[in-house]
Every structure is written in structure tokens, then in C-alpha cells.
Amino acid sequence: MRWTVDHASRELLPDQIAACVRRGVASGELALGEQLPPATELATALSVDRNTVLTAYRRLRDDGLLEFRRGRGARVASAVTEPAPVAEAARALVAVAREHGLTRSDLLRLIAKLT
């Protein structure tokens, strides 16, 4: 799996790390039950603070994607790759875009401009 962060990005580092995990689960590179790297090791590899990695891991745990076990680290707990509120908002966005005659490429262009 490819762990990358862009230190110059406006996106917060914990969000970038969480996105790496989500992409890994979505692509199948991270399987259900698979252990993630320890926070200290990943922090060193990404040149970030250990707490930055822990923040990302905690958010993923809160979303139900990871589970923590004392002495065993963080493991993939679910194959769900997006939080339910995000999926709902995306469906609503697509519906509104269709009502206004926007095509898929129009919508993707709009999202790219906003991010």
C-alpha cells in the first residue's frame, strides 16, 4: 500500500493519512482484519508527528473502519469505505445536479474546483 502525505497541501495531515487507509480498503490492498503499521513507525516514514497518525487512526476508528486492540495495534474492522453521511450527501448532490441538467463531467469538474 502506498502511504503518502503532501506537507504543502491545505488538507490536514490526519485527513491525508485517513484517506490513504480508505483508498487501501477500497482498492483491496488492505483486507478485513489486516493490521496497520504502528503509529510511531508510520509517523517516522511520513515525517509527521506520532500524534498526527494517532489522530487519523482514531477518526477511522470512530467511523467504524478500524478497531484498536491493546498490544495488537490498529486493524481494519470494516470494508465500508465512506461514512454514511458522506454517501448520503453525495447521493443528494447527484440528484440536485441532475435536476439542474448537469452531466457527470460537469459535476466532477465542480467538485475538482471546490477541493
C-alpha atoms as a PDB file:
ATOM      1  CA  MET A   1       0.000   0.000   0.000  1.00  0.00           C
ATOM      2  CA  ARG A   2       1.196   3.494  -0.781  1.00  0.00           C
ATOM      3  CA  TRP A   3       1.371   5.810   2.235  1.00  0.00           C
ATOM      4  CA  THR A   4       1.845   9.418   1.150  1.00  0.00           C
ATOM      5  CA  VAL A   5       1.201  12.859   2.529  1.00  0.00           C
ATOM      6  CA  ASP A   6       1.749  16.247   0.967  1.00  0.00           C
ATOM      7  CA  HIS A   7       3.156  18.566   3.617  1.00  0.00           C
ATOM      8  CA  ALA A   8       2.399  21.587   1.395  1.00  0.00           C
ATOM      9  CA  SER A   9      -1.275  20.665   0.934  1.00  0.00           C
ATOM     10  CA  ARG A  10      -4.068  22.635   2.564  1.00  0.00           C
ATOM     11  CA  GLU A  11      -5.627  19.311   3.573  1.00  0.00           C
ATOM     12  CA  LEU A  12      -4.827  18.383   7.172  1.00  0.00           C
ATOM     13  CA  LEU A  13      -2.215  15.651   7.599  1.00  0.00           C
ATOM     14  CA  PRO A  14      -4.512  13.344   9.633  1.00  0.00           C
ATOM     15  CA  ASP A  15      -7.109  13.639   6.848  1.00  0.00           C
ATOM     16  CA  GLN A  16      -4.487  12.674   4.267  1.00  0.00           C
ATOM     17  CA  ILE A  17      -3.423   9.646   6.296  1.00  0.00           C
ATOM     18  CA  ALA A  18      -7.046   8.586   6.798  1.00  0.00           C
ATOM     19  CA  ALA A  19      -7.591   8.934   3.046  1.00  0.00           C
ATOM     20  CA  CYS A  20      -4.659   6.579   2.420  1.00  0.00           C
ATOM     21  CA  VAL A  21      -6.311   3.958   4.613  1.00  0.00           C
ATOM     22  CA  ARG A  22      -9.691   4.455   2.940  1.00  0.00           C
ATOM     23  CA  ARG A  23      -8.116   4.066  -0.510  1.00  0.00           C
ATOM     24  CA  GLY A  24      -6.298   0.941   0.666  1.00  0.00           C
ATOM     25  CA  VAL A  25      -9.537  -0.620   1.887  1.00  0.00           C
ATOM     26  CA  ALA A  26     -11.469   0.435  -1.229  1.00  0.00           C
ATOM     27  CA  SER A  27      -8.820  -0.992  -3.562  1.00  0.00           C
ATOM     28  CA  GLY A  28      -8.484  -4.224  -1.606  1.00  0.00           C
ATOM     29  CA  GLU A  29      -4.870  -3.554  -0.643  1.00  0.00           C
ATOM     30  CA  LEU A  30      -5.993  -3.555   2.994  1.00  0.00           C
ATOM     31  CA  ALA A  31      -8.162  -6.527   3.888  1.00  0.00           C
ATOM     32  CA  LEU A  32     -10.578  -7.017   6.748  1.00  0.00           C
ATOM     33  CA  GLY A  33      -8.550  -7.825   9.874  1.00  0.00           C
ATOM     34  CA  GLU A  34      -5.271  -6.603   8.424  1.00  0.00           C
ATOM     35  CA  GLN A  35      -3.008  -4.787  10.844  1.00  0.00           C
ATOM     36  CA  LEU A  36      -1.906  -1.239  10.085  1.00  0.00           C
ATOM     37  CA  PRO A  37       1.624  -0.022  10.764  1.00  0.00           C
ATOM     38  CA  PRO A  38       2.269   1.134  14.324  1.00  0.00           C
ATOM     39  CA  ALA A  39       1.757   4.890  14.678  1.00  0.00           C
ATOM     40  CA  THR A  40       5.401   5.525  15.570  1.00  0.00           C
ATOM     41  CA  GLU A  41       6.720   3.667  12.503  1.00  0.00           C
ATOM     42  CA  LEU A  42       4.263   5.294  10.121  1.00  0.00           C
ATOM     43  CA  ALA A  43       4.948   8.738  11.601  1.00  0.00           C
ATOM     44  CA  THR A  44       8.666   8.280  11.007  1.00  0.00           C
ATOM     45  CA  ALA A  45       8.113   7.064   7.442  1.00  0.00           C
ATOM     46  CA  LEU A  46       5.841  10.026   6.637  1.00  0.00           C
ATOM     47  CA  SER A  47       7.887  12.616   8.561  1.00  0.00           C
ATOM     48  CA  VAL A  48       4.954  13.567  10.771  1.00  0.00           C
ATOM     49  CA  ASP A  49       4.333  13.535  14.492  1.00  0.00           C
ATOM     50  CA  ARG A  50       3.119  10.271  16.043  1.00  0.00           C
ATOM     51  CA  ASN A  51       0.020  12.081  17.335  1.00  0.00           C
ATOM     52  CA  THR A  52      -0.886  13.016  13.753  1.00  0.00           C
ATOM     53  CA  VAL A  53      -1.073   9.328  12.833  1.00  0.00           C
ATOM     54  CA  LEU A  54      -2.972   8.536  16.029  1.00  0.00           C
ATOM     55  CA  THR A  55      -5.494  11.268  15.218  1.00  0.00           C
ATOM     56  CA  ALA A  56      -6.091   9.717  11.789  1.00  0.00           C
ATOM     57  CA  TYR A  57      -6.402   6.231  13.277  1.00  0.00           C
ATOM     58  CA  ARG A  58      -8.872   7.475  15.930  1.00  0.00           C
ATOM     59  CA  ARG A  59     -11.052   9.152  13.307  1.00  0.00           C
ATOM     60  CA  LEU A  60     -11.117   5.935  11.304  1.00  0.00           C
ATOM     61  CA  ARG A  61     -11.984   4.018  14.467  1.00  0.00           C
ATOM     62  CA  ASP A  62     -14.818   6.456  15.182  1.00  0.00           C
ATOM     63  CA  ASP A  63     -16.083   5.893  11.621  1.00  0.00           C
ATOM     64  CA  GLY A  64     -16.024   2.130  12.231  1.00  0.00           C
ATOM     65  CA  LEU A  65     -13.264   1.421   9.727  1.00  0.00           C
ATOM     66  CA  LEU A  66     -10.588   0.464  12.282  1.00  0.00           C
ATOM     67  CA  GLU A  67     -10.525  -1.264  15.629  1.00  0.00           C
ATOM     68  CA  PHE A  68      -7.873  -0.998  18.309  1.00  0.00           C
ATOM     69  CA  ARG A  69      -6.741  -3.910  20.426  1.00  0.00           C
ATOM     70  CA  ARG A  70      -4.314  -3.402  23.257  1.00  0.00           C
ATOM     71  CA  GLY A  71      -0.984  -4.903  22.302  1.00  0.00           C
ATOM     72  CA  ARG A  72      -2.156  -5.695  18.767  1.00  0.00           C
ATOM     73  CA  GLY A  73      -2.432  -2.208  17.285  1.00  0.00           C
ATOM     74  CA  ALA A  74      -4.962  -0.999  14.755  1.00  0.00           C
ATOM     75  CA  ARG A  75      -6.713  -3.405  12.395  1.00  0.00           C
ATOM     76  CA  VAL A  76      -9.184  -2.975   9.557  1.00  0.00           C
ATOM     77  CA  ALA A  77     -12.615  -3.616  11.064  1.00  0.00           C
ATOM     78  CA  SER A  78     -14.889  -2.882   8.125  1.00  0.00           C
ATOM     79  CA  ALA A  79     -14.858  -2.845   4.354  1.00  0.00           C
ATOM     80  CA  VAL A  80     -17.089   0.252   4.321  1.00  0.00           C
ATOM     81  CA  THR A  81     -15.007   2.926   2.635  1.00  0.00           C
ATOM     82  CA  GLU A  82     -17.062   6.049   3.227  1.00  0.00           C
ATOM     83  CA  PRO A  83     -19.054   7.288   6.180  1.00  0.00           C
ATOM     84  CA  ALA A  84     -22.812   7.073   5.714  1.00  0.00           C
ATOM     85  CA  PRO A  85     -23.355  10.866   5.943  1.00  0.00           C
ATOM     86  CA  VAL A  86     -20.883  11.424   3.113  1.00  0.00           C
ATOM     87  CA  ALA A  87     -22.571   8.818   0.930  1.00  0.00           C
ATOM     88  CA  GLU A  88     -25.968  10.400   1.637  1.00  0.00           C
ATOM     89  CA  ALA A  89     -24.676  13.881   0.817  1.00  0.00           C
ATOM     90  CA  ALA A  90     -23.121  12.583  -2.403  1.00  0.00           C
ATOM     91  CA  ARG A  91     -26.418  10.977  -3.467  1.00  0.00           C
ATOM     92  CA  ALA A  92     -28.249  14.233  -2.730  1.00  0.00           C
ATOM     93  CA  LEU A  93     -25.669  16.210  -4.702  1.00  0.00           C
ATOM     94  CA  VAL A  94     -26.044  13.919  -7.704  1.00  0.00           C
ATOM     95  CA  ALA A  95     -29.839  14.235  -7.545  1.00  0.00           C
ATOM     96  CA  VAL A  96     -29.710  18.042  -7.414  1.00  0.00           C
ATOM     97  CA  ALA A  97     -27.154  18.142 -10.225  1.00  0.00           C
ATOM     98  CA  ARG A  98     -29.438  16.001 -12.405  1.00  0.00           C
ATOM     99  CA  GLU A  99     -32.394  18.287 -11.653  1.00  0.00           C
ATOM    100  CA  HIS A 100     -30.328  21.199 -12.931  1.00  0.00           C
ATOM    101  CA  GLY A 101     -29.163  19.376 -16.035  1.00  0.00           C
ATOM    102  CA  LEU A 102     -25.543  18.896 -15.025  1.00  0.00           C
ATOM    103  CA  THR A 103     -23.687  15.960 -16.535  1.00  0.00           C
ATOM    104  CA  ARG A 104     -21.290  13.693 -14.679  1.00  0.00           C
ATOM    105  CA  SER A 105     -18.317  15.561 -16.113  1.00  0.00           C
ATOM    106  CA  ASP A 106     -19.861  18.912 -15.071  1.00  0.00           C
ATOM    107  CA  LEU A 107     -20.273  17.608 -11.547  1.00  0.00           C
ATOM    108  CA  LEU A 108     -16.747  16.193 -11.399  1.00  0.00           C
ATOM    109  CA  ARG A 109     -15.341  19.473 -12.686  1.00  0.00           C
ATOM    110  CA  LEU A 110     -17.270  21.366  -9.983  1.00  0.00           C
ATOM    111  CA  ILE A 111     -16.018  19.051  -7.245  1.00  0.00           C
ATOM    112  CA  ALA A 112     -12.428  19.333  -8.505  1.00  0.00           C
ATOM    113  CA  LYS A 113     -12.719  23.112  -8.420  1.00  0.00           C
ATOM    114  CA  LEU A 114     -14.008  23.038  -4.840  1.00  0.00           C
ATOM    115  CA  THR A 115     -11.333  20.713  -3.471  1.00  0.00           C
END
